[in-house]
């Protein structure tokens, strides 16, 4: 005599493949975002201090960070450039986007003003008037 068997219902199974995909994409995103935000801070500079400063706005405009080191070299996005290349880069920005472009100067506190003046003149030639300095709080 044969014993009747019932087909068993399998327990609840979770498909975690989409979860693994999402976690992997988040990890890649944060690694890339961290690399891009730290790219402009590779050069060690001693920032000046300021007693008053404005808080940074929540939404950032088109921003170019120019780092000026103590040995009077200019860096944009971690790459060394000459003042002439900075002129060309700023002039190559589309005229409609120049009004909303911000050139942020991150310079060592001990550099002479003539170096900063070159960057300011480049911005003025390009028609960019939003040129703040990166400073430390007192």
Protein backbone atom coordinates (compact mmCIF):
# COMPACT_ATOMS: atom_id res chain seq x y z
CA UNK A 1 0.00 0.00 0.00
CA UNK A 2 1.29 3.39 -0.97
CA UNK A 3 1.26 6.25 1.56
CA UNK A 4 -0.31 9.36 0.13
CA UNK A 5 1.98 12.41 0.15
CA UNK A 6 0.98 16.01 -0.02
CA UNK A 7 3.10 18.47 -1.93
CA UNK A 8 4.78 20.76 0.58
CA UNK A 9 4.43 24.48 0.31
CA UNK A 10 7.88 26.05 0.29
CA UNK A 11 8.51 28.61 3.00
CA UNK A 12 8.67 32.30 2.24
CA UNK A 13 11.83 33.11 0.35
CA UNK A 14 13.29 36.54 -0.09
CA UNK A 15 14.99 37.44 -3.31
CA UNK A 16 17.84 39.67 -2.14
CA UNK A 17 19.48 40.12 -5.54
CA UNK A 18 17.93 43.58 -6.11
CA UNK A 19 18.97 44.60 -2.58
CA UNK A 20 22.57 43.59 -3.27
CA UNK A 21 22.49 45.56 -6.54
CA UNK A 22 21.23 48.69 -4.79
CA UNK A 23 23.81 48.44 -2.00
CA UNK A 24 26.59 47.98 -4.56
CA UNK A 25 25.42 51.04 -6.53
CA UNK A 26 25.31 53.12 -3.34
CA UNK A 27 28.85 52.08 -2.42
CA UNK A 28 30.11 53.03 -5.88
CA UNK A 29 28.26 56.36 -5.74
CA UNK A 30 29.71 57.33 -2.36
CA UNK A 31 33.22 56.30 -3.38
CA UNK A 32 33.01 58.46 -6.50
CA UNK A 33 31.45 61.40 -4.64
CA UNK A 34 34.12 61.26 -1.93
CA UNK A 35 36.88 61.23 -4.52
CA UNK A 36 35.45 64.25 -6.33
CA UNK A 37 35.01 66.32 -3.17
CA UNK A 38 38.52 65.58 -1.93
CA UNK A 39 40.16 66.13 -5.31
CA UNK A 40 40.37 69.92 -4.79
CA UNK A 41 41.93 69.55 -1.36
CA UNK A 42 45.01 67.54 -2.29
CA UNK A 43 47.39 70.47 -2.10
CA UNK A 44 48.22 71.42 1.47
CA UNK A 45 47.68 75.12 2.06
CA UNK A 46 47.41 77.08 5.28
CA UNK A 47 44.14 78.99 4.94
CA UNK A 48 43.75 82.50 6.33
CA UNK A 49 41.40 83.12 9.26
CA UNK A 50 38.40 85.43 9.19
CA UNK A 51 36.36 86.80 12.06
CA UNK A 52 33.23 87.06 9.91
CA UNK A 53 32.17 84.81 7.10
CA UNK A 54 28.98 83.88 5.29
CA UNK A 55 27.51 80.44 5.52
CA UNK A 56 27.75 78.41 2.36
CA UNK A 57 24.45 78.26 0.44
CA UNK A 58 22.66 74.93 0.25
CA UNK A 59 22.62 74.82 -3.52
CA UNK A 60 26.03 75.30 -5.05
CA UNK A 61 26.35 77.22 -8.30
CA UNK A 62 28.75 76.17 -11.01
CA UNK A 63 31.95 76.24 -8.99
CA UNK A 64 35.62 76.25 -9.96
CA UNK A 65 38.05 75.98 -7.05
CA UNK A 66 41.48 77.52 -7.71
CA UNK A 67 44.10 76.42 -5.18
CA UNK A 68 47.21 78.57 -4.83
CA UNK A 69 50.10 76.95 -2.97
CA UNK A 70 52.97 78.61 -1.14
CA UNK A 71 55.30 77.95 -4.08
CA UNK A 72 52.94 80.15 -6.18
CA UNK A 73 51.48 77.35 -8.32
CA UNK A 74 47.84 77.28 -9.42
CA UNK A 75 45.78 74.09 -9.27
CA UNK A 76 42.30 73.42 -10.64
CA UNK A 77 40.80 69.99 -9.85
CA UNK A 78 44.18 68.73 -8.69
CA UNK A 79 45.96 69.64 -11.93
CA UNK A 80 48.60 72.34 -12.08
CA UNK A 81 47.79 75.09 -14.58
CA UNK A 82 49.42 78.33 -15.62
CA UNK A 83 47.69 81.73 -15.34
CA UNK A 84 47.29 81.73 -19.13
CA UNK A 85 45.53 78.36 -19.00
CA UNK A 86 43.25 79.70 -16.27
CA UNK A 87 42.40 82.66 -18.53
CA UNK A 88 41.59 80.31 -21.39
CA UNK A 89 39.52 78.00 -19.18
CA UNK A 90 37.43 80.86 -17.77
CA UNK A 91 36.93 82.42 -21.21
CA UNK A 92 35.84 79.05 -22.62
CA UNK A 93 32.81 78.99 -20.30
CA UNK A 94 29.61 79.76 -22.18
CA UNK A 95 28.61 83.40 -21.70
CA UNK A 96 25.15 82.50 -20.44
CA UNK A 97 26.70 80.33 -17.69
CA UNK A 98 29.37 82.83 -16.60
CA UNK A 99 26.89 84.82 -14.49
CA UNK A 100 26.14 81.79 -12.32
CA UNK A 101 29.74 80.52 -12.19
CA UNK A 102 31.66 80.88 -8.94
CA UNK A 103 35.47 80.89 -8.85
CA UNK A 104 36.50 80.04 -5.30
CA UNK A 105 40.07 80.96 -4.35
CA UNK A 106 41.73 78.60 -1.88
CA UNK A 107 45.08 80.24 -1.23
CA UNK A 108 47.79 79.88 1.36
CA UNK A 109 47.80 82.75 3.84
CA UNK A 110 51.47 83.50 3.19
CA UNK A 111 51.35 83.99 -0.60
CA UNK A 112 51.86 87.51 -1.98
CA UNK A 113 48.85 89.41 -3.23
CA UNK A 114 50.22 89.65 -6.78
CA UNK A 115 49.48 85.92 -7.23
CA UNK A 116 45.87 86.30 -6.11
CA UNK A 117 45.60 89.43 -8.24
CA UNK A 118 46.35 87.37 -11.38
CA UNK A 119 43.40 85.09 -10.60
CA UNK A 120 41.11 88.06 -9.89
CA UNK A 121 42.11 89.70 -13.19
CA UNK A 122 41.41 86.45 -15.05
CA UNK A 123 37.94 86.35 -13.49
CA UNK A 124 37.32 90.00 -14.39
CA UNK A 125 38.35 89.39 -18.02
CA UNK A 126 35.90 86.49 -18.21
CA UNK A 127 33.12 88.55 -16.62
CA UNK A 128 32.88 86.40 -13.49
CA UNK A 129 32.09 88.50 -10.43
CA UNK A 130 31.32 85.78 -7.88
CA UNK A 131 34.83 85.20 -6.45
CA UNK A 132 34.85 84.25 -2.74
CA UNK A 133 37.88 83.15 -0.71
CA UNK A 134 38.10 79.98 1.36
CA UNK A 135 38.95 80.93 4.96
CA UNK A 136 38.98 79.35 8.40
CA UNK A 137 36.76 80.50 11.26
CA UNK A 138 38.47 82.16 14.18
